PDB file of N, CA and C in Angstrom:
ATOM      1  N   MET A   1      18.853  16.304  10.336  1.00  0.00           N
ATOM      2  CA  MET A   1      18.519  16.634   8.987  1.00  0.00           C
ATOM      3  C   MET A   1      17.296  15.945   8.493  1.00  0.00           C
ATOM      4  N   GLU A   2      16.402  16.656   7.959  1.00  0.00           N
ATOM      5  CA  GLU A   2      15.222  16.000   7.434  1.00  0.00           C
ATOM      6  C   GLU A   2      15.461  15.190   6.173  1.00  0.00           C
ATOM      7  N   ALA A   3      14.636  14.191   5.977  1.00  0.00           N
ATOM      8  CA  ALA A   3      14.820  13.320   4.840  1.00  0.00           C
ATOM      9  C   ALA A   3      14.892  14.041   3.500  1.00  0.00           C
ATOM     10  N   GLU A   4      13.953  15.024   3.357  1.00  0.00           N
ATOM     11  CA  GLU A   4      13.866  15.733   2.137  1.00  0.00           C
ATOM     12  C   GLU A   4      15.175  16.551   1.925  1.00  0.00           C
ATOM     13  N   GLU A   5      15.686  17.141   2.952  1.00  0.00           N
ATOM     14  CA  GLU A   5      16.990  17.867   2.878  1.00  0.00           C
ATOM     15  C   GLU A   5      18.147  16.941   2.459  1.00  0.00           C
ATOM     16  N   LEU A   6      18.142  15.701   3.118  1.00  0.00           N
ATOM     17  CA  LEU A   6      19.174  14.792   2.788  1.00  0.00           C
ATOM     18  C   LEU A   6      19.122  14.336   1.349  1.00  0.00           C
ATOM     19  N   ALA A   7      17.900  14.074   0.830  1.00  0.00           N
ATOM     20  CA  ALA A   7      17.678  13.654  -0.559  1.00  0.00           C
ATOM     21  C   ALA A   7      18.181  14.804  -1.491  1.00  0.00           C
ATOM     22  N   ALA A   8      17.935  16.052  -1.104  1.00  0.00           N
ATOM     23  CA  ALA A   8      18.413  17.194  -1.935  1.00  0.00           C
ATOM     24  C   ALA A   8      19.964  17.273  -1.934  1.00  0.00           C
ATOM     25  N   LEU A   9      20.552  17.040  -0.746  1.00  0.00           N
ATOM     26  CA  LEU A   9      21.957  17.034  -0.608  1.00  0.00           C
ATOM     27  C   LEU A   9      22.606  15.932  -1.518  1.00  0.00           C
ATOM     28  N   ALA A  10      21.955  14.791  -1.508  1.00  0.00           N
ATOM     29  CA  ALA A  10      22.474  13.664  -2.331  1.00  0.00           C
ATOM     30  C   ALA A  10      22.380  13.983  -3.810  1.00  0.00           C
ATOM     31  N   VAL A  11      21.256  14.662  -4.220  1.00  0.00           N
ATOM     32  CA  VAL A  11      21.125  15.040  -5.577  1.00  0.00           C
ATOM     33  C   VAL A  11      22.221  16.040  -6.011  1.00  0.00           C
ATOM     34  N   SER A  12      22.415  17.026  -5.155  1.00  0.00           N
ATOM     35  CA  SER A  12      23.439  17.949  -5.359  1.00  0.00           C
ATOM     36  C   SER A  12      24.819  17.375  -5.502  1.00  0.00           C
ATOM     37  N   ALA A  13      25.155  16.437  -4.569  1.00  0.00           N
ATOM     38  CA  ALA A  13      26.421  15.760  -4.664  1.00  0.00           C
ATOM     39  C   ALA A  13      26.637  14.977  -5.921  1.00  0.00           C
ATOM     40  N   LEU A  14      25.511  14.337  -6.379  1.00  0.00           N
ATOM     41  CA  LEU A  14      25.575  13.636  -7.624  1.00  0.00           C
ATOM     42  C   LEU A  14      25.746  14.622  -8.818  1.00  0.00           C
ATOM     43  N   ASP A  15      25.064  15.719  -8.838  1.00  0.00           N
ATOM     44  CA  ASP A  15      25.126  16.631  -9.870  1.00  0.00           C
ATOM     45  C   ASP A  15      26.541  17.270  -9.948  1.00  0.00           C
ATOM     46  N   ASP A  16      27.196  17.423  -8.824  1.00  0.00           N
ATOM     47  CA  ASP A  16      28.526  18.006  -8.777  1.00  0.00           C
ATOM     48  C   ASP A  16      29.496  17.189  -9.653  1.00  0.00           C
ATOM     49  N   LEU A  17      29.260  15.860  -9.707  1.00  0.00           N
ATOM     50  CA  LEU A  17      30.174  15.026 -10.449  1.00  0.00           C
ATOM     51  C   LEU A  17      29.512  14.482 -11.714  1.00  0.00           C
ATOM     52  N   LYS A  18      28.511  15.236 -12.254  1.00  0.00           N
ATOM     53  CA  LYS A  18      27.848  14.954 -13.491  1.00  0.00           C
ATOM     54  C   LYS A  18      27.185  13.612 -13.594  1.00  0.00           C
ATOM     55  N   ALA A  19      26.429  13.343 -12.564  1.00  0.00           N
ATOM     56  CA  ALA A  19      25.600  12.082 -12.650  1.00  0.00           C
ATOM     57  C   ALA A  19      24.636  12.191 -13.814  1.00  0.00           C
ATOM     58  N   VAL A  20      24.185  11.076 -14.397  1.00  0.00           N
ATOM     59  CA  VAL A  20      23.234  11.047 -15.490  1.00  0.00           C
ATOM     60  C   VAL A  20      21.876  10.689 -15.019  1.00  0.00           C
ATOM     61  N   ASN A  21      20.917  11.447 -15.497  1.00  0.00           N
ATOM     62  CA  ASN A  21      19.477  11.080 -15.218  1.00  0.00           C
ATOM     63  C   ASN A  21      19.160  10.834 -13.762  1.00  0.00           C
ATOM     64  N   THR A  22      19.437  11.808 -12.923  1.00  0.00           N
ATOM     65  CA  THR A  22      19.170  11.669 -11.422  1.00  0.00           C
ATOM     66  C   THR A  22      17.680  11.867 -11.211  1.00  0.00           C
ATOM     67  N   VAL A  23      17.113  10.977 -10.449  1.00  0.00           N
ATOM     68  CA  VAL A  23      15.662  10.980 -10.203  1.00  0.00           C
ATOM     69  C   VAL A  23      15.511  10.816  -8.665  1.00  0.00           C
ATOM     70  N   THR A  24      14.606  11.535  -8.044  1.00  0.00           N
ATOM     71  CA  THR A  24      14.195  11.289  -6.628  1.00  0.00           C
ATOM     72  C   THR A  24      12.809  10.770  -6.640  1.00  0.00           C
ATOM     73  N   VAL A  25      12.620   9.640  -5.959  1.00  0.00           N
ATOM     74  CA  VAL A  25      11.323   8.939  -5.892  1.00  0.00           C
ATOM     75  C   VAL A  25      10.842   8.958  -4.466  1.00  0.00           C
ATOM     76  N   ASP A  26       9.669   9.638  -4.272  1.00  0.00           N
ATOM     77  CA  ASP A  26       9.064   9.725  -2.996  1.00  0.00           C
ATOM     78  C   ASP A  26       8.251   8.425  -2.730  1.00  0.00           C
ATOM     79  N   VAL A  27       8.675   7.638  -1.801  1.00  0.00           N
ATOM     80  CA  VAL A  27       7.997   6.384  -1.557  1.00  0.00           C
ATOM     81  C   VAL A  27       7.387   6.308  -0.176  1.00  0.00           C
ATOM     82  N   ARG A  28       7.103   7.447   0.464  1.00  0.00           N
ATOM     83  CA  ARG A  28       6.520   7.519   1.736  1.00  0.00           C
ATOM     84  C   ARG A  28       5.153   6.890   1.779  1.00  0.00           C
ATOM     85  N   GLU A  29       4.409   6.939   0.686  1.00  0.00           N
ATOM     86  CA  GLU A  29       3.074   6.378   0.670  1.00  0.00           C
ATOM     87  C   GLU A  29       3.092   4.812   0.333  1.00  0.00           C
ATOM     88  N   LEU A  30       4.263   4.361  -0.023  1.00  0.00           N
ATOM     89  CA  LEU A  30       4.323   2.993  -0.475  1.00  0.00           C
ATOM     90  C   LEU A  30       5.044   2.029   0.528  1.00  0.00           C
ATOM     91  N   THR A  31       5.814   2.597   1.461  1.00  0.00           N
ATOM     92  CA  THR A  31       6.602   1.791   2.369  1.00  0.00           C
ATOM     93  C   THR A  31       6.951   2.557   3.690  1.00  0.00           C
ATOM     94  N   ASP A  32       7.112   1.851   4.710  1.00  0.00           N
ATOM     95  CA  ASP A  32       7.611   2.415   5.975  1.00  0.00           C
ATOM     96  C   ASP A  32       9.129   2.284   6.100  1.00  0.00           C
ATOM     97  N   VAL A  33       9.751   1.680   5.156  1.00  0.00           N
ATOM     98  CA  VAL A  33      11.180   1.364   5.253  1.00  0.00           C
ATOM     99  C   VAL A  33      12.102   2.597   4.976  1.00  0.00           C
ATOM    100  N   THR A  34      11.626   3.410   4.009  1.00  0.00           N
ATOM    101  CA  THR A  34      12.421   4.615   3.702  1.00  0.00           C
ATOM    102  C   THR A  34      11.427   5.665   3.115  1.00  0.00           C
ATOM    103  N   ASP A  35      11.948   6.875   2.994  1.00  0.00           N
ATOM    104  CA  ASP A  35      11.080   7.943   2.498  1.00  0.00           C
ATOM    105  C   ASP A  35      11.365   8.335   1.050  1.00  0.00           C
ATOM    106  N   TYR A  36      12.658   8.308   0.690  1.00  0.00           N
ATOM    107  CA  TYR A  36      13.052   8.701  -0.616  1.00  0.00           C
ATOM    108  C   TYR A  36      14.116   7.763  -1.213  1.00  0.00           C
ATOM    109  N   LEU A  37      13.998   7.486  -2.450  1.00  0.00           N
ATOM    110  CA  LEU A  37      15.051   6.868  -3.214  1.00  0.00           C
ATOM    111  C   LEU A  37      15.631   7.874  -4.214  1.00  0.00           C
ATOM    112  N   VAL A  38      16.892   7.979  -4.207  1.00  0.00           N
ATOM    113  CA  VAL A  38      17.597   8.821  -5.114  1.00  0.00           C
ATOM    114  C   VAL A  38      18.338   7.850  -6.086  1.00  0.00           C
ATOM    115  N   ILE A  39      18.043   7.961  -7.371  1.00  0.00           N
ATOM    116  CA  ILE A  39      18.559   7.046  -8.326  1.00  0.00           C
ATOM    117  C   ILE A  39      19.349   7.825  -9.393  1.00  0.00           C
ATOM    118  N   ALA A  40      20.538   7.369  -9.740  1.00  0.00           N
ATOM    119  CA  ALA A  40      21.335   8.055 -10.727  1.00  0.00           C
ATOM    120  C   ALA A  40      22.166   7.070 -11.465  1.00  0.00           C
ATOM    121  N   SER A  41      22.623   7.426 -12.660  1.00  0.00           N
ATOM    122  CA  SER A  41      23.512   6.625 -13.417  1.00  0.00           C
ATOM    123  C   SER A  41      24.929   7.347 -13.510  1.00  0.00           C
ATOM    124  N   GLY A  42      25.943   6.417 -13.627  1.00  0.00           N
ATOM    125  CA  GLY A  42      27.274   6.920 -13.902  1.00  0.00           C
ATOM    126  C   GLY A  42      27.723   6.305 -15.294  1.00  0.00           C
ATOM    127  N   THR A  43      28.717   6.857 -15.850  1.00  0.00           N
ATOM    128  CA  THR A  43      29.110   6.494 -17.231  1.00  0.00           C
ATOM    129  C   THR A  43      30.143   5.317 -17.281  1.00  0.00           C
ATOM    130  N   SER A  44      30.648   4.962 -16.094  1.00  0.00           N
ATOM    131  CA  SER A  44      31.625   3.870 -16.017  1.00  0.00           C
ATOM    132  C   SER A  44      31.642   3.372 -14.564  1.00  0.00           C
ATOM    133  N   ASN A  45      32.242   2.218 -14.310  1.00  0.00           N
ATOM    134  CA  ASN A  45      32.362   1.715 -12.948  1.00  0.00           C
ATOM    135  C   ASN A  45      33.079   2.668 -12.043  1.00  0.00           C
ATOM    136  N   ARG A  46      34.089   3.301 -12.517  1.00  0.00           N
ATOM    137  CA  ARG A  46      34.831   4.312 -11.777  1.00  0.00           C
ATOM    138  C   ARG A  46      33.930   5.527 -11.451  1.00  0.00           C
ATOM    139  N   HIS A  47      33.174   5.909 -12.418  1.00  0.00           N
ATOM    140  CA  HIS A  47      32.324   7.085 -12.221  1.00  0.00           C
ATOM    141  C   HIS A  47      31.205   6.746 -11.200  1.00  0.00           C
ATOM    142  N   VAL A  48      30.627   5.543 -11.307  1.00  0.00           N
ATOM    143  CA  VAL A  48      29.606   5.145 -10.285  1.00  0.00           C
ATOM    144  C   VAL A  48      30.194   5.134  -8.884  1.00  0.00           C
ATOM    145  N   LYS A  49      31.393   4.623  -8.733  1.00  0.00           N
ATOM    146  CA  LYS A  49      32.026   4.619  -7.412  1.00  0.00           C
ATOM    147  C   LYS A  49      32.313   6.081  -6.967  1.00  0.00           C
ATOM    148  N   SER A  50      32.777   6.934  -7.833  1.00  0.00           N
ATOM    149  CA  SER A  50      33.084   8.301  -7.422  1.00  0.00           C
ATOM    150  C   SER A  50      31.799   9.048  -7.091  1.00  0.00           C
ATOM    151  N   LEU A  51      30.722   8.827  -7.741  1.00  0.00           N
ATOM    152  CA  LEU A  51      29.497   9.482  -7.482  1.00  0.00           C
ATOM    153  C   LEU A  51      28.960   9.093  -6.085  1.00  0.00           C
ATOM    154  N   ALA A  52      28.973   7.817  -5.787  1.00  0.00           N
ATOM    155  CA  ALA A  52      28.517   7.334  -4.449  1.00  0.00           C
ATOM    156  C   ALA A  52      29.476   7.853  -3.363  1.00  0.00           C
ATOM    157  N   ASP A  53      30.736   7.880  -3.596  1.00  0.00           N
ATOM    158  CA  ASP A  53      31.704   8.373  -2.680  1.00  0.00           C
ATOM    159  C   ASP A  53      31.427   9.857  -2.392  1.00  0.00           C
ATOM    160  N   ASN A  54      31.113  10.653  -3.352  1.00  0.00           N
ATOM    161  CA  ASN A  54      30.854  12.041  -3.196  1.00  0.00           C
ATOM    162  C   ASN A  54      29.595  12.257  -2.355  1.00  0.00           C
ATOM    163  N   VAL A  55      28.656  11.377  -2.567  1.00  0.00           N
ATOM    164  CA  VAL A  55      27.424  11.554  -1.706  1.00  0.00           C
ATOM    165  C   VAL A  55      27.800  11.326  -0.230  1.00  0.00           C
ATOM    166  N   THR A  56      28.589  10.322   0.062  1.00  0.00           N
ATOM    167  CA  THR A  56      29.022  10.096   1.436  1.00  0.00           C
ATOM    168  C   THR A  56      29.853  11.201   2.065  1.00  0.00           C
ATOM    169  N   VAL A  57      30.760  11.782   1.195  1.00  0.00           N
ATOM    170  CA  VAL A  57      31.640  12.821   1.655  1.00  0.00           C
ATOM    171  C   VAL A  57      30.784  14.104   1.955  1.00  0.00           C
ATOM    172  N   GLU A  58      29.825  14.438   1.072  1.00  0.00           N
ATOM    173  CA  GLU A  58      29.084  15.634   1.247  1.00  0.00           C
ATOM    174  C   GLU A  58      28.078  15.428   2.523  1.00  0.00           C
ATOM    175  N   ALA A  59      27.564  14.268   2.569  1.00  0.00           N
ATOM    176  CA  ALA A  59      26.653  14.019   3.727  1.00  0.00           C
ATOM    177  C   ALA A  59      27.421  14.073   5.043  1.00  0.00           C
ATOM    178  N   LYS A  60      28.619  13.520   5.030  1.00  0.00           N
ATOM    179  CA  LYS A  60      29.439  13.558   6.230  1.00  0.00           C
ATOM    180  C   LYS A  60      29.767  14.985   6.689  1.00  0.00           C
ATOM    181  N   LYS A  61      29.990  15.873   5.692  1.00  0.00           N
ATOM    182  CA  LYS A  61      30.155  17.304   6.017  1.00  0.00           C
ATOM    183  C   LYS A  61      28.917  17.858   6.719  1.00  0.00           C
ATOM    184  N   ALA A  62      27.824  17.370   6.457  1.00  0.00           N
ATOM    185  CA  ALA A  62      26.501  17.801   7.054  1.00  0.00           C
ATOM    186  C   ALA A  62      26.203  17.013   8.324  1.00  0.00           C
ATOM    187  N   GLY A  63      27.126  16.150   8.702  1.00  0.00           N
ATOM    188  CA  GLY A  63      26.887  15.404  10.000  1.00  0.00           C
ATOM    189  C   GLY A  63      26.196  14.107   9.824  1.00  0.00           C
ATOM    190  N   MET A  64      25.975  13.629   8.575  1.00  0.00           N
ATOM    191  CA  MET A  64      25.209  12.394   8.313  1.00  0.00           C
ATOM    192  C   MET A  64      26.198  11.247   7.867  1.00  0.00           C
ATOM    193  N   ARG A  65      26.078  10.157   8.547  1.00  0.00           N
ATOM    194  CA  ARG A  65      26.852   8.969   8.126  1.00  0.00           C
ATOM    195  C   ARG A  65      25.923   7.881   7.630  1.00  0.00           C
ATOM    196  N   PRO A  66      26.321   7.182   6.569  1.00  0.00           N
ATOM    197  CA  PRO A  66      25.412   6.134   6.078  1.00  0.00           C
ATOM    198  C   PRO A  66      25.357   4.943   7.035  1.00  0.00           C
ATOM    199  N   LEU A  67      24.216   4.265   6.995  1.00  0.00           N
ATOM    200  CA  LEU A  67      24.007   3.016   7.833  1.00  0.00           C
ATOM    201  C   LEU A  67      24.763   1.906   7.139  1.00  0.00           C
ATOM    202  N   GLY A  68      24.910   2.073   5.811  1.00  0.00           N
ATOM    203  CA  GLY A  68      25.659   1.066   5.078  1.00  0.00           C
ATOM    204  C   GLY A  68      25.914   1.508   3.644  1.00  0.00           C
ATOM    205  N   VAL A  69      26.990   0.877   3.026  1.00  0.00           N
ATOM    206  CA  VAL A  69      27.255   1.154   1.593  1.00  0.00           C
ATOM    207  C   VAL A  69      27.557  -0.222   1.026  1.00  0.00           C
ATOM    208  N   GLU A  70      26.833  -0.573  -0.044  1.00  0.00           N
ATOM    209  CA  GLU A  70      27.065  -1.835  -0.728  1.00  0.00           C
ATOM    210  C   GLU A  70      27.410  -1.631  -2.200  1.00  0.00           C
ATOM    211  N   GLY A  71      28.240  -2.573  -2.742  1.00  0.00           N
ATOM    212  CA  GLY A  71      28.506  -2.598  -4.120  1.00  0.00           C
ATOM    213  C   GLY A  71      29.679  -1.766  -4.599  1.00  0.00           C
ATOM    214  N   GLU A  72      30.498  -1.233  -3.673  1.00  0.00           N
ATOM    215  CA  GLU A  72      31.592  -0.511  -4.038  1.00  0.00           C
ATOM    216  C   GLU A  72      32.711  -1.224  -4.862  1.00  0.00           C
ATOM    217  N   ASP A  73      32.828  -2.480  -4.528  1.00  0.00           N
ATOM    218  CA  ASP A  73      33.814  -3.306  -5.220  1.00  0.00           C
ATOM    219  C   ASP A  73      33.683  -3.430  -6.654  1.00  0.00           C
ATOM    220  N   ALA A  74      32.418  -3.797  -7.108  1.00  0.00           N
ATOM    221  CA  ALA A  74      32.133  -4.034  -8.538  1.00  0.00           C
ATOM    222  C   ALA A  74      31.902  -2.727  -9.243  1.00  0.00           C
ATOM    223  N   GLY A  75      31.215  -1.801  -8.598  1.00  0.00           N
ATOM    224  CA  GLY A  75      30.922  -0.498  -9.233  1.00  0.00           C
ATOM    225  C   GLY A  75      29.818  -0.453 -10.247  1.00  0.00           C
ATOM    226  N   GLU A  76      29.050  -1.593 -10.401  1.00  0.00           N
ATOM    227  CA  GLU A  76      27.903  -1.536 -11.362  1.00  0.00           C
ATOM    228  C   GLU A  76      26.726  -0.977 -10.697  1.00  0.00           C
ATOM    229  N   TRP A  77      26.595  -1.136  -9.348  1.00  0.00           N
ATOM    230  CA  TRP A  77      25.437  -0.660  -8.605  1.00  0.00           C
ATOM    231  C   TRP A  77      25.906  -0.446  -7.177  1.00  0.00           C
ATOM    232  N   VAL A  78      26.003   0.844  -6.744  1.00  0.00           N
ATOM    233  CA  VAL A  78      26.377   1.194  -5.411  1.00  0.00           C
ATOM    234  C   VAL A  78      25.207   1.742  -4.707  1.00  0.00           C
ATOM    235  N   LEU A  79      24.861   1.149  -3.539  1.00  0.00           N
ATOM    236  CA  LEU A  79      23.765   1.626  -2.746  1.00  0.00           C
ATOM    237  C   LEU A  79      24.305   2.218  -1.505  1.00  0.00           C
ATOM    238  N   VAL A  80      23.761   3.463  -1.217  1.00  0.00           N
ATOM    239  CA  VAL A  80      24.244   4.194   0.002  1.00  0.00           C
ATOM    240  C   VAL A  80      22.905   4.388   0.821  1.00  0.00           C
ATOM    241  N   ASP A  81      22.902   3.722   2.032  1.00  0.00           N
ATOM    242  CA  ASP A  81      21.693   3.700   2.815  1.00  0.00           C
ATOM    243  C   ASP A  81      21.758   4.662   4.049  1.00  0.00           C
ATOM    244  N   TYR A  82      20.898   5.685   3.999  1.00  0.00           N
ATOM    245  CA  TYR A  82      20.788   6.623   5.093  1.00  0.00           C
ATOM    246  C   TYR A  82      19.565   6.431   5.952  1.00  0.00           C
ATOM    247  N   GLY A  83      18.918   5.318   5.773  1.00  0.00           N
ATOM    248  CA  GLY A  83      17.680   5.067   6.483  1.00  0.00           C
ATOM    249  C   GLY A  83      16.494   5.683   5.734  1.00  0.00           C
ATOM    250  N   ASP A  84      16.237   6.928   6.009  1.00  0.00           N
ATOM    251  CA  ASP A  84      15.111   7.609   5.353  1.00  0.00           C
ATOM    252  C   ASP A  84      15.379   7.963   3.879  1.00  0.00           C
ATOM    253  N   VAL A  85      16.685   7.901   3.474  1.00  0.00           N
ATOM    254  CA  VAL A  85      17.029   8.126   2.065  1.00  0.00           C
ATOM    255  C   VAL A  85      17.956   7.057   1.659  1.00  0.00           C
ATOM    256  N   VAL A  86      17.722   6.409   0.514  1.00  0.00           N
ATOM    257  CA  VAL A  86      18.521   5.381  -0.023  1.00  0.00           C
ATOM    258  C   VAL A  86      18.956   5.824  -1.381  1.00  0.00           C
ATOM    259  N   VAL A  87      20.258   5.925  -1.588  1.00  0.00           N
ATOM    260  CA  VAL A  87      20.838   6.345  -2.840  1.00  0.00           C
ATOM    261  C   VAL A  87      21.332   5.154  -3.685  1.00  0.00           C
ATOM    262  N   HIS A  88      20.886   5.071  -4.974  1.00  0.00           N
ATOM    263  CA  HIS A  88      21.241   3.992  -5.860  1.00  0.00           C
ATOM    264  C   HIS A  88      22.044   4.699  -6.989  1.00  0.00           C
ATOM    265  N   VAL A  89      23.277   4.306  -7.182  1.00  0.00           N
ATOM    266  CA  VAL A  89      24.081   4.800  -8.364  1.00  0.00           C
ATOM    267  C   VAL A  89      24.433   3.597  -9.150  1.00  0.00           C
ATOM    268  N   MET A  90      23.980   3.628 -10.459  1.00  0.00           N
ATOM    269  CA  MET A  90      24.186   2.418 -11.288  1.00  0.00           C
ATOM    270  C   MET A  90      24.774   2.743 -12.644  1.00  0.00           C
ATOM    271  N   LEU A  91      25.316   1.687 -13.305  1.00  0.00           N
ATOM    272  CA  LEU A  91      25.579   1.816 -14.687  1.00  0.00           C
ATOM    273  C   LEU A  91      24.226   1.779 -15.464  1.00  0.00           C
ATOM    274  N   PRO A  92      24.177   2.406 -16.598  1.00  0.00           N
ATOM    275  CA  PRO A  92      22.929   2.524 -17.323  1.00  0.00           C
ATOM    276  C   PRO A  92      22.267   1.101 -17.600  1.00  0.00           C
ATOM    277  N   ALA A  93      23.044   0.168 -17.980  1.00  0.00           N
ATOM    278  CA  ALA A  93      22.513  -1.221 -18.317  1.00  0.00           C
ATOM    279  C   ALA A  93      21.931  -1.868 -17.005  1.00  0.00           C
ATOM    280  N   THR A  94      22.541  -1.674 -15.880  1.00  0.00           N
ATOM    281  CA  THR A  94      22.055  -2.171 -14.615  1.00  0.00           C
ATOM    282  C   THR A  94      20.703  -1.510 -14.283  1.00  0.00           C
ATOM    283  N   ARG A  95      20.744  -0.158 -14.465  1.00  0.00           N
ATOM    284  CA  ARG A  95      19.539   0.625 -14.125  1.00  0.00           C
ATOM    285  C   ARG A  95      18.364   0.215 -15.010  1.00  0.00           C
ATOM    286  N   ASP A  96      18.648   0.032 -16.292  1.00  0.00           N
ATOM    287  CA  ASP A  96      17.541  -0.440 -17.230  1.00  0.00           C
ATOM    288  C   ASP A  96      17.020  -1.751 -16.798  1.00  0.00           C
ATOM    289  N   PHE A  97      17.928  -2.692 -16.455  1.00  0.00           N
ATOM    290  CA  PHE A  97      17.496  -4.030 -16.084  1.00  0.00           C
ATOM    291  C   PHE A  97      16.587  -4.071 -14.851  1.00  0.00           C
ATOM    292  N   TYR A  98      16.984  -3.338 -13.777  1.00  0.00           N
ATOM    293  CA  TYR A  98      16.164  -3.367 -12.543  1.00  0.00           C
ATOM    294  C   TYR A  98      15.006  -2.375 -12.561  1.00  0.00           C
ATOM    295  N   ASP A  99      15.121  -1.355 -13.293  1.00  0.00           N
ATOM    296  CA  ASP A  99      14.045  -0.352 -13.537  1.00  0.00           C
ATOM    297  C   ASP A  99      13.304  -0.010 -12.202  1.00  0.00           C
ATOM    298  N   LEU A 100      14.111   0.478 -11.189  1.00  0.00           N
ATOM    299  CA  LEU A 100      13.605   0.897  -9.960  1.00  0.00           C
ATOM    300  C   LEU A 100      12.511   1.952  -9.978  1.00  0.00           C
ATOM    301  N   GLU A 101      12.608   2.834 -10.961  1.00  0.00           N
ATOM    302  CA  GLU A 101      11.644   3.911 -10.931  1.00  0.00           C
ATOM    303  C   GLU A 101      10.247   3.321 -11.254  1.00  0.00           C
ATOM    304  N   ARG A 102      10.121   2.360 -12.136  1.00  0.00           N
ATOM    305  CA  ARG A 102       8.892   1.690 -12.441  1.00  0.00           C
ATOM    306  C   ARG A 102       8.441   0.830 -11.292  1.00  0.00           C
ATOM    307  N   LEU A 103       9.345   0.084 -10.728  1.00  0.00           N
ATOM    308  CA  LEU A 103       9.090  -0.785  -9.554  1.00  0.00           C
ATOM    309  C   LEU A 103       8.462  -0.043  -8.375  1.00  0.00           C
ATOM    310  N   TRP A 104       8.950   1.128  -8.105  1.00  0.00           N
ATOM    311  CA  TRP A 104       8.536   1.908  -7.025  1.00  0.00           C
ATOM    312  C   TRP A 104       7.564   2.947  -7.372  1.00  0.00           C
ATOM    313  N   ALA A 105       7.008   2.991  -8.556  1.00  0.00           N
ATOM    314  CA  ALA A 105       6.000   3.969  -8.905  1.00  0.00           C
ATOM    315  C   ALA A 105       4.756   3.640  -8.163  1.00  0.00           C
ATOM    316  N   SER A 106       4.067   4.657  -7.711  1.00  0.00           N
ATOM    317  CA  SER A 106       2.778   4.440  -6.985  1.00  0.00           C
ATOM    318  C   SER A 106       1.741   4.046  -8.043  1.00  0.00           C
ATOM    319  N   PRO A 107       0.797   3.236  -7.564  1.00  0.00           N
ATOM    320  CA  PRO A 107      -0.205   2.638  -8.499  1.00  0.00           C
ATOM    321  C   PRO A 107      -0.886   3.687  -9.413  1.00  0.00           C
ATOM    322  N   ASP A 108      -1.101   4.947  -8.918  1.00  0.00           N
ATOM    323  CA  ASP A 108      -1.780   6.004  -9.732  1.00  0.00           C
ATOM    324  C   ASP A 108      -0.834   6.570 -10.733  1.00  0.00           C
ATOM    325  N   ARG A 109       0.477   6.359 -10.651  1.00  0.00           N
ATOM    326  CA  ARG A 109       1.468   6.864 -11.639  1.00  0.00           C
ATOM    327  C   ARG A 109       1.960   5.808 -12.566  1.00  0.00           C
ATOM    328  N   ALA A 110       1.708   4.544 -12.228  1.00  0.00           N
ATOM    329  CA  ALA A 110       2.191   3.418 -13.061  1.00  0.00           C
ATOM    330  C   ALA A 110       1.488   3.448 -14.430  1.00  0.00           C
ATOM    331  N   PRO A 111       2.293   3.008 -15.507  1.00  0.00           N
ATOM    332  CA  PRO A 111       1.726   3.006 -16.845  1.00  0.00           C
ATOM    333  C   PRO A 111       0.623   2.004 -16.986  1.00  0.00           C
TER     334      PRO A 111
END
């Protein structure tokens, strides 16, 4: 599965459970580590965990298994790493604090 397809699958899985403010950031020009970041918010710790879990379930149906999953215990920020696609599901306060969208903005898009 291509990275772009996997990112779209992750967005769809997040949308299925009503993720808030889902954004896909193309970082291919900025790093060799990954191609896409998918960033979304959940409304509670339980919602964050459920969103991340749904991404892994739907990706598994498509034959993709994550390289790793971090943060499931606390549920403030769950990271699901597929190599070419990294999914970040966070509580809104955590997302605002780390501001990954701005951090990974390309220089020509930065404010």
